[in-house]
Amino acid sequence: MVIATGFFDGVHLGHRLVISQLVDYAEKMGQESMVVTFWPHPRNVLQKDARVLRLLSTLEEKKRILHELGVGRVEVLPFTREFSRLTTREYFRDIIVGKFGGKAVLLGYDNRVGSDSLAPEQIEVVAKEEGLEVIRTEAVLSDAVTISSTRIRKALSEGDVEAAAGMLGYGYSLFGVVVAGNQLGRTIGFPTANMQLYEPLKIIPAPGVYEVDVETVGRKFKGMCNIGYRPTVSNASTLTVETNVFGLDEDIYGLDIRLTFVRRIRQEVRFGSVEALKEQLARDKATILGVSG
């Protein structure tokens, strides 16, 4: 068994280098490839900025992407306080070798294993002492910036969904269910699907208006998504994710909806009137559809 281990939030391009090497190396060795990951996020359990931590992928999304990349087996270990106390040696000896029969382990440039906070070079030494062959990978750069889950979260928090996609290797998406809204959009000609996320800890891009690709009722559409607090028509303090789905007239309350972000059109703005909002929405839609005014 050739194993890569880590949280792999988002399974971004840096992770994909590790995964591609994992799959290739396992094939050459005639072994099965495996990813050992954890849930929930260690920072949630250890209360390290857990209040502000948001995730790039749900557990199911992560597992799906890993399998799509050719990983033969994905194992999810419950991350608990007891688990967090395992040393590097205990983790390799008891989990990687003892539990899963690992023969080789891939270590990324910033892999951290065990409660003893060893440096990468020390981790490699311990792995070899426990009988594991070690394959090291290098950092992946995007425009001379090291790709990391932290950088991707930052890009999304600033509304730069295009930069996030460039580091992820795919468009960032939200998945949820359509719930009832205030119905105002329908009265001004822009009915919206109000989304409630299935995974409440997934990061929501910064407030603004976005071009999105929409999947619902088994079909694909273009759409215009507003993330924000609807300042023109509401004093609400709750963030909403509302999407005007182009060419869809059906009632989709209670149905699944997935939004994949393409680009940010503008920031959220408070307009002087509902009519001014309506006019701006028409311009936003024209921008998304590439229609000149």
C-alpha atoms as a PDB file:
ATOM      1  CA  MET A   1       0.000   0.000   0.000  1.00  0.00           C
ATOM      2  CA  VAL A   2       1.362   3.416  -1.012  1.00  0.00           C
ATOM      3  CA  ILE A   3      -0.158   6.096   1.210  1.00  0.00           C
ATOM      4  CA  ALA A   4      -0.502   9.863   1.260  1.00  0.00           C
ATOM      5  CA  THR A   5      -1.828  11.407   4.441  1.00  0.00           C
ATOM      6  CA  GLY A   6      -3.278  14.828   5.235  1.00  0.00           C
ATOM      7  CA  PHE A   7      -6.466  16.870   5.421  1.00  0.00           C
ATOM      8  CA  PHE A   8      -6.361  17.836   1.699  1.00  0.00           C
ATOM      9  CA  ASP A   9      -8.914  20.636   2.005  1.00  0.00           C
ATOM     10  CA  GLY A  10     -10.081  21.549  -1.497  1.00  0.00           C
ATOM     11  CA  VAL A  11      -7.730  19.000  -3.125  1.00  0.00           C
ATOM     12  CA  HIS A  12      -5.983  21.931  -4.840  1.00  0.00           C
ATOM     13  CA  LEU A  13      -3.165  21.875  -7.402  1.00  0.00           C
ATOM     14  CA  GLY A  14      -0.544  21.413  -4.699  1.00  0.00           C
ATOM     15  CA  HIS A  15      -2.410  18.379  -3.400  1.00  0.00           C
ATOM     16  CA  ARG A  16      -2.859  17.087  -6.941  1.00  0.00           C
ATOM     17  CA  LEU A  17       0.897  16.881  -7.443  1.00  0.00           C
ATOM     18  CA  VAL A  18       1.043  14.635  -4.382  1.00  0.00           C
ATOM     19  CA  ILE A  19      -1.904  12.558  -5.596  1.00  0.00           C
ATOM     20  CA  SER A  20      -0.556  12.118  -9.146  1.00  0.00           C
ATOM     21  CA  GLN A  21       2.783  10.956  -7.749  1.00  0.00           C
ATOM     22  CA  LEU A  22       0.952   8.664  -5.340  1.00  0.00           C
ATOM     23  CA  VAL A  23      -1.028   6.999  -8.112  1.00  0.00           C
ATOM     24  CA  ASP A  24       1.980   6.728 -10.468  1.00  0.00           C
ATOM     25  CA  TYR A  25       4.263   5.323  -7.801  1.00  0.00           C
ATOM     26  CA  ALA A  26       1.687   2.797  -6.621  1.00  0.00           C
ATOM     27  CA  GLU A  27       1.256   1.544 -10.191  1.00  0.00           C
ATOM     28  CA  LYS A  28       5.025   1.137 -10.608  1.00  0.00           C
ATOM     29  CA  MET A  29       5.241  -0.791  -7.327  1.00  0.00           C
ATOM     30  CA  GLY A  30       2.212  -2.915  -8.172  1.00  0.00           C
ATOM     31  CA  GLN A  31       0.539  -1.619  -5.012  1.00  0.00           C
ATOM     32  CA  GLU A  32      -2.801   0.021  -4.261  1.00  0.00           C
ATOM     33  CA  SER A  33      -2.854   3.782  -3.719  1.00  0.00           C
ATOM     34  CA  MET A  34      -4.499   5.120  -0.577  1.00  0.00           C
ATOM     35  CA  VAL A  35      -5.217   8.526   0.928  1.00  0.00           C
ATOM     36  CA  VAL A  36      -5.614   8.674   4.699  1.00  0.00           C
ATOM     37  CA  THR A  37      -7.456  11.838   5.675  1.00  0.00           C
ATOM     38  CA  PHE A  38      -9.334  13.172   8.697  1.00  0.00           C
ATOM     39  CA  TRP A  39     -12.683  14.659   9.699  1.00  0.00           C
ATOM     40  CA  PRO A  40     -13.451  17.074  11.207  1.00  0.00           C
ATOM     41  CA  HIS A  41     -10.691  19.600  10.618  1.00  0.00           C
ATOM     42  CA  PRO A  42      -8.016  19.471  13.362  1.00  0.00           C
ATOM     43  CA  ARG A  43      -8.462  23.184  14.086  1.00  0.00           C
ATOM     44  CA  ASN A  44     -12.133  22.575  14.914  1.00  0.00           C
ATOM     45  CA  VAL A  45     -11.249  19.903  17.448  1.00  0.00           C
ATOM     46  CA  LEU A  46      -8.259  21.704  18.945  1.00  0.00           C
ATOM     47  CA  GLN A  47     -10.133  25.044  18.996  1.00  0.00           C
ATOM     48  CA  LYS A  48      -7.458  26.870  17.007  1.00  0.00           C
ATOM     49  CA  ASP A  49      -9.420  29.691  15.332  1.00  0.00           C
ATOM     50  CA  ALA A  50     -12.321  27.244  14.966  1.00  0.00           C
ATOM     51  CA  ARG A  51     -14.789  30.138  15.117  1.00  0.00           C
ATOM     52  CA  VAL A  52     -13.487  31.603  11.855  1.00  0.00           C
ATOM     53  CA  LEU A  53     -12.270  28.492  10.028  1.00  0.00           C
ATOM     54  CA  ARG A  54     -14.210  27.734   6.849  1.00  0.00           C
ATOM     55  CA  LEU A  55     -13.605  24.829   4.481  1.00  0.00           C
ATOM     56  CA  LEU A  56     -13.001  24.575   0.739  1.00  0.00           C
ATOM     57  CA  SER A  57     -14.598  21.161   0.379  1.00  0.00           C
ATOM     58  CA  THR A  58     -17.069  18.943   2.148  1.00  0.00           C
ATOM     59  CA  LEU A  59     -15.970  15.443   3.102  1.00  0.00           C
ATOM     60  CA  GLU A  60     -17.987  13.949   0.238  1.00  0.00           C
ATOM     61  CA  GLU A  61     -16.534  16.426  -2.281  1.00  0.00           C
ATOM     62  CA  LYS A  62     -13.021  15.631  -1.107  1.00  0.00           C
ATOM     63  CA  LYS A  63     -13.549  11.880  -1.407  1.00  0.00           C
ATOM     64  CA  ARG A  64     -15.129  12.244  -4.857  1.00  0.00           C
ATOM     65  CA  ILE A  65     -12.254  14.355  -6.213  1.00  0.00           C
ATOM     66  CA  LEU A  66      -9.629  11.972  -4.814  1.00  0.00           C
ATOM     67  CA  HIS A  67     -11.296   8.992  -6.480  1.00  0.00           C
ATOM     68  CA  GLU A  68     -11.605  10.946  -9.753  1.00  0.00           C
ATOM     69  CA  LEU A  69      -7.839  11.518  -9.603  1.00  0.00           C
ATOM     70  CA  GLY A  70      -7.291   7.767  -9.545  1.00  0.00           C
ATOM     71  CA  VAL A  71      -6.840   7.045  -5.828  1.00  0.00           C
ATOM     72  CA  GLY A  72      -7.809   3.449  -5.184  1.00  0.00           C
ATOM     73  CA  ARG A  73      -8.874   3.806  -1.566  1.00  0.00           C
ATOM     74  CA  VAL A  74      -9.776   6.735   0.700  1.00  0.00           C
ATOM     75  CA  GLU A  75      -9.843   6.200   4.459  1.00  0.00           C
ATOM     76  CA  VAL A  76     -11.260   8.827   6.831  1.00  0.00           C
ATOM     77  CA  LEU A  77     -10.026   8.811  10.422  1.00  0.00           C
ATOM     78  CA  PRO A  78     -12.095  10.604  13.081  1.00  0.00           C
ATOM     79  CA  PHE A  79      -9.933  13.448  14.362  1.00  0.00           C
ATOM     80  CA  THR A  80     -10.323  13.559  18.130  1.00  0.00           C
ATOM     81  CA  ARG A  81      -8.276  15.040  20.979  1.00  0.00           C
ATOM     82  CA  GLU A  82      -7.000  11.539  21.764  1.00  0.00           C
ATOM     83  CA  PHE A  83      -5.963  11.042  18.140  1.00  0.00           C
ATOM     84  CA  SER A  84      -4.226  14.444  18.140  1.00  0.00           C
ATOM     85  CA  ARG A  85      -1.877  13.244  20.891  1.00  0.00           C
ATOM     86  CA  LEU A  86      -0.271  10.555  18.696  1.00  0.00           C
ATOM     87  CA  THR A  87       3.402  11.224  18.058  1.00  0.00           C
ATOM     88  CA  THR A  88       4.877  11.030  14.575  1.00  0.00           C
ATOM     89  CA  ARG A  89       6.313   7.605  15.321  1.00  0.00           C
ATOM     90  CA  GLU A  90       3.050   6.314  16.773  1.00  0.00           C
ATOM     91  CA  TYR A  91       1.131   7.582  13.763  1.00  0.00           C
ATOM     92  CA  PHE A  92       3.438   5.852  11.259  1.00  0.00           C
ATOM     93  CA  ARG A  93       3.833   2.677  13.332  1.00  0.00           C
ATOM     94  CA  ASP A  94       0.247   2.176  14.511  1.00  0.00           C
ATOM     95  CA  ILE A  95      -1.814   3.751  11.736  1.00  0.00           C
ATOM     96  CA  ILE A  96       0.091   3.849   8.454  1.00  0.00           C
ATOM     97  CA  VAL A  97       1.920   0.540   8.905  1.00  0.00           C
ATOM     98  CA  GLY A  98      -0.063  -1.260  11.612  1.00  0.00           C
ATOM     99  CA  LYS A  99      -3.619  -0.417  10.557  1.00  0.00           C
ATOM    100  CA  PHE A 100      -3.270   0.023   6.790  1.00  0.00           C
ATOM    101  CA  GLY A 101      -0.173  -1.977   5.888  1.00  0.00           C
ATOM    102  CA  GLY A 102       1.671   0.923   4.285  1.00  0.00           C
ATOM    103  CA  LYS A 103       4.867   0.180   2.351  1.00  0.00           C
ATOM    104  CA  ALA A 104       5.614   3.736   1.216  1.00  0.00           C
ATOM    105  CA  VAL A 105       4.419   7.186   2.226  1.00  0.00           C
ATOM    106  CA  LEU A 106       4.304  10.402   0.213  1.00  0.00           C
ATOM    107  CA  LEU A 107       5.148  13.545   2.129  1.00  0.00           C
ATOM    108  CA  GLY A 108       4.360  16.995   0.739  1.00  0.00           C
ATOM    109  CA  TYR A 109       6.713  19.923   1.295  1.00  0.00           C
ATOM    110  CA  ASP A 110       4.630  21.139   4.287  1.00  0.00           C
ATOM    111  CA  ASN A 111       3.302  17.836   5.652  1.00  0.00           C
ATOM    112  CA  ARG A 112       2.957  17.900   9.420  1.00  0.00           C
ATOM    113  CA  VAL A 113       2.468  14.587  11.205  1.00  0.00           C
ATOM    114  CA  GLY A 114       2.131  13.913  14.917  1.00  0.00           C
ATOM    115  CA  SER A 115       1.892  15.893  18.123  1.00  0.00           C
ATOM    116  CA  ASP A 116       5.676  16.307  18.453  1.00  0.00           C
ATOM    117  CA  SER A 117       5.804  18.987  15.718  1.00  0.00           C
ATOM    118  CA  LEU A 118       8.843  17.572  13.929  1.00  0.00           C
ATOM    119  CA  ALA A 119      10.442  19.301  10.962  1.00  0.00           C
ATOM    120  CA  PRO A 120       9.918  17.678   7.521  1.00  0.00           C
ATOM    121  CA  GLU A 121      13.435  16.200   7.565  1.00  0.00           C
ATOM    122  CA  GLN A 122      12.818  14.663  10.995  1.00  0.00           C
ATOM    123  CA  ILE A 123       9.459  13.248   9.879  1.00  0.00           C
ATOM    124  CA  GLU A 124      11.211  11.562   6.968  1.00  0.00           C
ATOM    125  CA  VAL A 125      13.767   9.971   9.286  1.00  0.00           C
ATOM    126  CA  VAL A 126      11.052   8.576  11.575  1.00  0.00           C
ATOM    127  CA  ALA A 127       9.081   7.178   8.616  1.00  0.00           C
ATOM    128  CA  LYS A 128      12.156   5.344   7.344  1.00  0.00           C
ATOM    129  CA  GLU A 129      12.894   3.992  10.815  1.00  0.00           C
ATOM    130  CA  GLU A 130       9.390   2.505  10.825  1.00  0.00           C
ATOM    131  CA  GLY A 131      10.145   0.684   7.571  1.00  0.00           C
ATOM    132  CA  LEU A 132       8.453   3.070   5.162  1.00  0.00           C
ATOM    133  CA  GLU A 133       9.882   4.197   1.865  1.00  0.00           C
ATOM    134  CA  VAL A 134       9.508   7.992   1.643  1.00  0.00           C
ATOM    135  CA  ILE A 135       8.648   9.944  -1.507  1.00  0.00           C
ATOM    136  CA  ARG A 136       8.901  13.722  -1.140  1.00  0.00           C
ATOM    137  CA  THR A 137       7.096  16.302  -3.280  1.00  0.00           C
ATOM    138  CA  GLU A 138       7.815  19.973  -3.860  1.00  0.00           C
ATOM    139  CA  ALA A 139       5.612  23.050  -3.474  1.00  0.00           C
ATOM    140  CA  VAL A 140       3.452  24.019  -6.440  1.00  0.00           C
ATOM    141  CA  LEU A 141       3.623  27.661  -7.497  1.00  0.00           C
ATOM    142  CA  SER A 142       0.950  29.797  -9.152  1.00  0.00           C
ATOM    143  CA  ASP A 143       2.358  33.071 -10.497  1.00  0.00           C
ATOM    144  CA  ALA A 144       5.327  32.567  -8.142  1.00  0.00           C
ATOM    145  CA  VAL A 145       3.018  32.158  -5.119  1.00  0.00           C
ATOM    146  CA  THR A 146       2.941  28.879  -3.215  1.00  0.00           C
ATOM    147  CA  ILE A 147      -0.474  27.277  -3.506  1.00  0.00           C
ATOM    148  CA  SER A 148      -2.102  26.498  -0.182  1.00  0.00           C
ATOM    149  CA  SER A 149      -5.589  26.070   1.229  1.00  0.00           C
ATOM    150  CA  THR A 150      -5.012  29.226   3.286  1.00  0.00           C
ATOM    151  CA  ARG A 151      -4.270  31.322   0.191  1.00  0.00           C
ATOM    152  CA  ILE A 152      -7.341  29.957  -1.570  1.00  0.00           C
ATOM    153  CA  ARG A 153      -9.557  30.774   1.406  1.00  0.00           C
ATOM    154  CA  LYS A 154      -8.134  34.304   1.391  1.00  0.00           C
ATOM    155  CA  ALA A 155      -8.885  34.730  -2.331  1.00  0.00           C
ATOM    156  CA  LEU A 156     -12.482  33.616  -1.799  1.00  0.00           C
ATOM    157  CA  SER A 157     -12.890  35.893   1.219  1.00  0.00           C
ATOM    158  CA  GLU A 158     -11.891  38.770  -1.104  1.00  0.00           C
ATOM    159  CA  GLY A 159     -14.295  37.666  -3.850  1.00  0.00           C
ATOM    160  CA  ASP A 160     -11.510  36.647  -6.235  1.00  0.00           C
ATOM    161  CA  VAL A 161     -13.116  33.414  -7.391  1.00  0.00           C
ATOM    162  CA  GLU A 162     -10.969  33.363 -10.542  1.00  0.00           C
ATOM    163  CA  ALA A 163      -7.733  33.333  -8.537  1.00  0.00           C
ATOM    164  CA  ALA A 164      -9.202  30.626  -6.305  1.00  0.00           C
ATOM    165  CA  ALA A 165     -10.084  28.507  -9.339  1.00  0.00           C
ATOM    166  CA  GLY A 166      -6.556  28.966 -10.696  1.00  0.00           C
ATOM    167  CA  MET A 167      -5.119  27.496  -7.497  1.00  0.00           C
ATOM    168  CA  LEU A 168      -7.775  24.807  -7.060  1.00  0.00           C
ATOM    169  CA  GLY A 169      -7.624  23.607 -10.654  1.00  0.00           C
ATOM    170  CA  TYR A 170     -11.424  23.831 -10.914  1.00  0.00           C
ATOM    171  CA  GLY A 171     -14.224  26.294 -10.248  1.00  0.00           C
ATOM    172  CA  TYR A 172     -15.174  26.724  -6.603  1.00  0.00           C
ATOM    173  CA  SER A 173     -18.726  25.587  -5.842  1.00  0.00           C
ATOM    174  CA  LEU A 174     -21.408  25.632  -3.172  1.00  0.00           C
ATOM    175  CA  PHE A 175     -23.959  22.854  -2.766  1.00  0.00           C
ATOM    176  CA  GLY A 176     -27.223  23.131  -0.908  1.00  0.00           C
ATOM    177  CA  VAL A 177     -30.999  23.138  -0.951  1.00  0.00           C
ATOM    178  CA  VAL A 178     -33.378  25.831  -2.202  1.00  0.00           C
ATOM    179  CA  VAL A 179     -35.390  27.380   0.639  1.00  0.00           C
ATOM    180  CA  ALA A 180     -38.071  30.039   0.733  1.00  0.00           C
ATOM    181  CA  GLY A 181     -36.950  33.663   0.475  1.00  0.00           C
ATOM    182  CA  ASN A 182     -38.825  36.970   0.657  1.00  0.00           C
ATOM    183  CA  GLN A 183     -40.114  36.687  -2.947  1.00  0.00           C
ATOM    184  CA  LEU A 184     -39.054  40.265  -3.796  1.00  0.00           C
ATOM    185  CA  GLY A 185     -36.980  39.153  -6.779  1.00  0.00           C
ATOM    186  CA  ARG A 186     -40.042  37.694  -8.445  1.00  0.00           C
ATOM    187  CA  THR A 187     -41.918  40.986  -8.189  1.00  0.00           C
ATOM    188  CA  ILE A 188     -39.152  42.899 -10.013  1.00  0.00           C
ATOM    189  CA  GLY A 189     -38.561  40.343 -12.729  1.00  0.00           C
ATOM    190  CA  PHE A 190     -35.535  38.578 -11.210  1.00  0.00           C
ATOM    191  CA  PRO A 191     -36.816  35.573  -9.233  1.00  0.00           C
ATOM    192  CA  THR A 192     -34.104  34.022  -7.097  1.00  0.00           C
ATOM    193  CA  ALA A 193     -33.379  30.640  -5.583  1.00  0.00           C
ATOM    194  CA  ASN A 194     -32.371  31.173  -1.958  1.00  0.00           C
ATOM    195  CA  MET A 195     -29.733  28.592  -0.988  1.00  0.00           C
ATOM    196  CA  GLN A 196     -29.096  26.907   2.346  1.00  0.00           C
ATOM    197  CA  LEU A 197     -25.756  25.079   2.417  1.00  0.00           C
ATOM    198  CA  TYR A 198     -25.630  21.402   3.301  1.00  0.00           C
ATOM    199  CA  GLU A 199     -22.200  21.992   4.888  1.00  0.00           C
ATOM    200  CA  PRO A 200     -22.454  25.141   7.026  1.00  0.00           C
ATOM    201  CA  LEU A 201     -18.663  25.349   7.440  1.00  0.00           C
ATOM    202  CA  LYS A 202     -17.960  25.769   3.727  1.00  0.00           C
ATOM    203  CA  ILE A 203     -16.508  29.163   2.952  1.00  0.00           C
ATOM    204  CA  ILE A 204     -18.874  31.556   1.152  1.00  0.00           C
ATOM    205  CA  PRO A 205     -17.172  34.041  -1.211  1.00  0.00           C
ATOM    206  CA  ALA A 206     -17.202  37.730  -0.284  1.00  0.00           C
ATOM    207  CA  PRO A 207     -20.468  39.675  -0.739  1.00  0.00           C
ATOM    208  CA  GLY A 208     -21.101  40.731  -4.325  1.00  0.00           C
ATOM    209  CA  VAL A 209     -22.723  39.723  -7.593  1.00  0.00           C
ATOM    210  CA  TYR A 210     -21.229  36.737  -9.413  1.00  0.00           C
ATOM    211  CA  GLU A 211     -21.583  34.911 -12.686  1.00  0.00           C
ATOM    212  CA  VAL A 212     -22.264  31.277 -11.834  1.00  0.00           C
ATOM    213  CA  ASP A 213     -22.907  27.973 -13.523  1.00  0.00           C
ATOM    214  CA  VAL A 214     -25.948  26.320 -11.962  1.00  0.00           C
ATOM    215  CA  GLU A 215     -26.886  22.651 -11.669  1.00  0.00           C
ATOM    216  CA  THR A 216     -30.409  21.810 -10.520  1.00  0.00           C
ATOM    217  CA  VAL A 217     -33.352  19.614 -11.613  1.00  0.00           C
ATOM    218  CA  GLY A 218     -30.792  17.485 -13.482  1.00  0.00           C
ATOM    219  CA  ARG A 219     -29.908  20.313 -15.880  1.00  0.00           C
ATOM    220  CA  LYS A 220     -27.291  23.039 -16.262  1.00  0.00           C
ATOM    221  CA  PHE A 221     -27.954  26.765 -16.506  1.00  0.00           C
ATOM    222  CA  LYS A 222     -26.205  30.112 -16.407  1.00  0.00           C
ATOM    223  CA  GLY A 223     -27.057  32.311 -13.463  1.00  0.00           C
ATOM    224  CA  MET A 224     -26.453  35.500 -11.510  1.00  0.00           C
ATOM    225  CA  CYS A 225     -25.742  35.027  -7.815  1.00  0.00           C
ATOM    226  CA  ASN A 226     -25.965  37.720  -5.164  1.00  0.00           C
ATOM    227  CA  ILE A 227     -24.159  37.053  -1.904  1.00  0.00           C
ATOM    228  CA  GLY A 228     -24.864  39.591   0.792  1.00  0.00           C
ATOM    229  CA  TYR A 229     -27.346  41.297   3.062  1.00  0.00           C
ATOM    230  CA  ARG A 230     -29.725  42.879   0.482  1.00  0.00           C
ATOM    231  CA  PRO A 231     -29.076  46.431   1.757  1.00  0.00           C
ATOM    232  CA  THR A 232     -31.491  48.071  -0.708  1.00  0.00           C
ATOM    233  CA  VAL A 233     -34.519  46.152   0.523  1.00  0.00           C
ATOM    234  CA  SER A 234     -33.546  44.840   3.951  1.00  0.00           C
ATOM    235  CA  ASN A 235     -31.722  45.608   7.171  1.00  0.00           C
ATOM    236  CA  ALA A 236     -31.050  41.910   7.719  1.00  0.00           C
ATOM    237  CA  SER A 237     -27.838  40.800   9.413  1.00  0.00           C
ATOM    238  CA  THR A 238     -27.970  37.296   7.944  1.00  0.00           C
ATOM    239  CA  LEU A 239     -25.870  36.579   4.874  1.00  0.00           C
ATOM    240  CA  THR A 240     -27.913  35.196   1.963  1.00  0.00           C
ATOM    241  CA  VAL A 241     -26.926  33.358  -1.215  1.00  0.00           C
ATOM    242  CA  GLU A 242     -29.565  34.047  -3.872  1.00  0.00           C
ATOM    243  CA  THR A 243     -29.380  33.104  -7.536  1.00  0.00           C
ATOM    244  CA  ASN A 244     -31.359  34.219 -10.534  1.00  0.00           C
ATOM    245  CA  VAL A 245     -31.236  31.100 -12.718  1.00  0.00           C
ATOM    246  CA  PHE A 246     -31.477  32.093 -16.386  1.00  0.00           C
ATOM    247  CA  GLY A 247     -34.112  30.200 -18.357  1.00  0.00           C
ATOM    248  CA  LEU A 248     -35.625  28.338 -15.399  1.00  0.00           C
ATOM    249  CA  ASP A 249     -39.278  28.978 -14.586  1.00  0.00           C
ATOM    250  CA  GLU A 250     -39.967  25.915 -12.429  1.00  0.00           C
ATOM    251  CA  ASP A 251     -40.627  25.864  -8.685  1.00  0.00           C
ATOM    252  CA  ILE A 252     -37.444  24.335  -7.218  1.00  0.00           C
ATOM    253  CA  TYR A 253     -38.078  24.817  -3.494  1.00  0.00           C
ATOM    254  CA  GLY A 254     -36.716  21.844  -1.582  1.00  0.00           C
ATOM    255  CA  LEU A 255     -34.471  20.715  -4.424  1.00  0.00           C
ATOM    256  CA  ASP A 256     -30.686  20.451  -4.606  1.00  0.00           C
ATOM    257  CA  ILE A 257     -28.726  23.246  -6.242  1.00  0.00           C
ATOM    258  CA  ARG A 258     -25.005  23.582  -6.993  1.00  0.00           C
ATOM    259  CA  LEU A 259     -23.371  26.898  -7.881  1.00  0.00           C
ATOM    260  CA  THR A 260     -19.958  27.005  -9.528  1.00  0.00           C
ATOM    261  CA  PHE A 261     -18.438  30.479  -9.454  1.00  0.00           C
ATOM    262  CA  VAL A 262     -17.067  31.897 -12.708  1.00  0.00           C
ATOM    263  CA  ARG A 263     -16.258  35.548 -11.892  1.00  0.00           C
ATOM    264  CA  ARG A 264     -17.291  38.433  -9.689  1.00  0.00           C
ATOM    265  CA  ILE A 265     -19.257  41.116 -11.526  1.00  0.00           C
ATOM    266  CA  ARG A 266     -19.362  43.791  -8.827  1.00  0.00           C
ATOM    267  CA  GLN A 267     -19.573  44.467  -5.110  1.00  0.00           C
ATOM    268  CA  GLU A 268     -22.880  44.529  -3.264  1.00  0.00           C
ATOM    269  CA  VAL A 269     -24.284  48.069  -3.324  1.00  0.00           C
ATOM    270  CA  ARG A 270     -27.137  49.870  -1.559  1.00  0.00           C
ATOM    271  CA  PHE A 271     -29.311  51.511  -4.233  1.00  0.00           C
ATOM    272  CA  GLY A 272     -31.568  54.510  -3.727  1.00  0.00           C
ATOM    273  CA  SER A 273     -34.658  52.658  -4.909  1.00  0.00           C
ATOM    274  CA  VAL A 274     -35.923  49.250  -5.974  1.00  0.00           C
ATOM    275  CA  GLU A 275     -36.176  50.608  -9.533  1.00  0.00           C
ATOM    276  CA  ALA A 276     -32.462  51.495  -9.524  1.00  0.00           C
ATOM    277  CA  LEU A 277     -31.695  47.989  -8.249  1.00  0.00           C
ATOM    278  CA  LYS A 278     -33.802  46.483 -11.038  1.00  0.00           C
ATOM    279  CA  GLU A 279     -31.939  48.509 -13.671  1.00  0.00           C
ATOM    280  CA  GLN A 280     -28.567  47.401 -12.291  1.00  0.00           C
ATOM    281  CA  LEU A 281     -29.630  43.759 -12.248  1.00  0.00           C
ATOM    282  CA  ALA A 282     -30.539  44.049 -15.925  1.00  0.00           C
ATOM    283  CA  ARG A 283     -27.048  45.413 -16.626  1.00  0.00           C
ATOM    284  CA  ASP A 284     -25.459  42.632 -14.566  1.00  0.00           C
ATOM    285  CA  LYS A 285     -27.351  39.989 -16.507  1.00  0.00           C
ATOM    286  CA  ALA A 286     -26.323  41.565 -19.807  1.00  0.00           C
ATOM    287  CA  THR A 287     -22.686  41.519 -18.640  1.00  0.00           C
ATOM    288  CA  ILE A 288     -22.896  37.810 -17.804  1.00  0.00           C
ATOM    289  CA  LEU A 289     -24.539  36.974 -21.119  1.00  0.00           C
ATOM    290  CA  GLY A 290     -22.060  39.119 -23.041  1.00  0.00           C
ATOM    291  CA  VAL A 291     -24.786  41.404 -24.379  1.00  0.00           C
ATOM    292  CA  SER A 292     -23.649  44.957 -25.123  1.00  0.00           C
ATOM    293  CA  GLY A 293     -25.873  47.753 -23.897  1.00  0.00           C
END
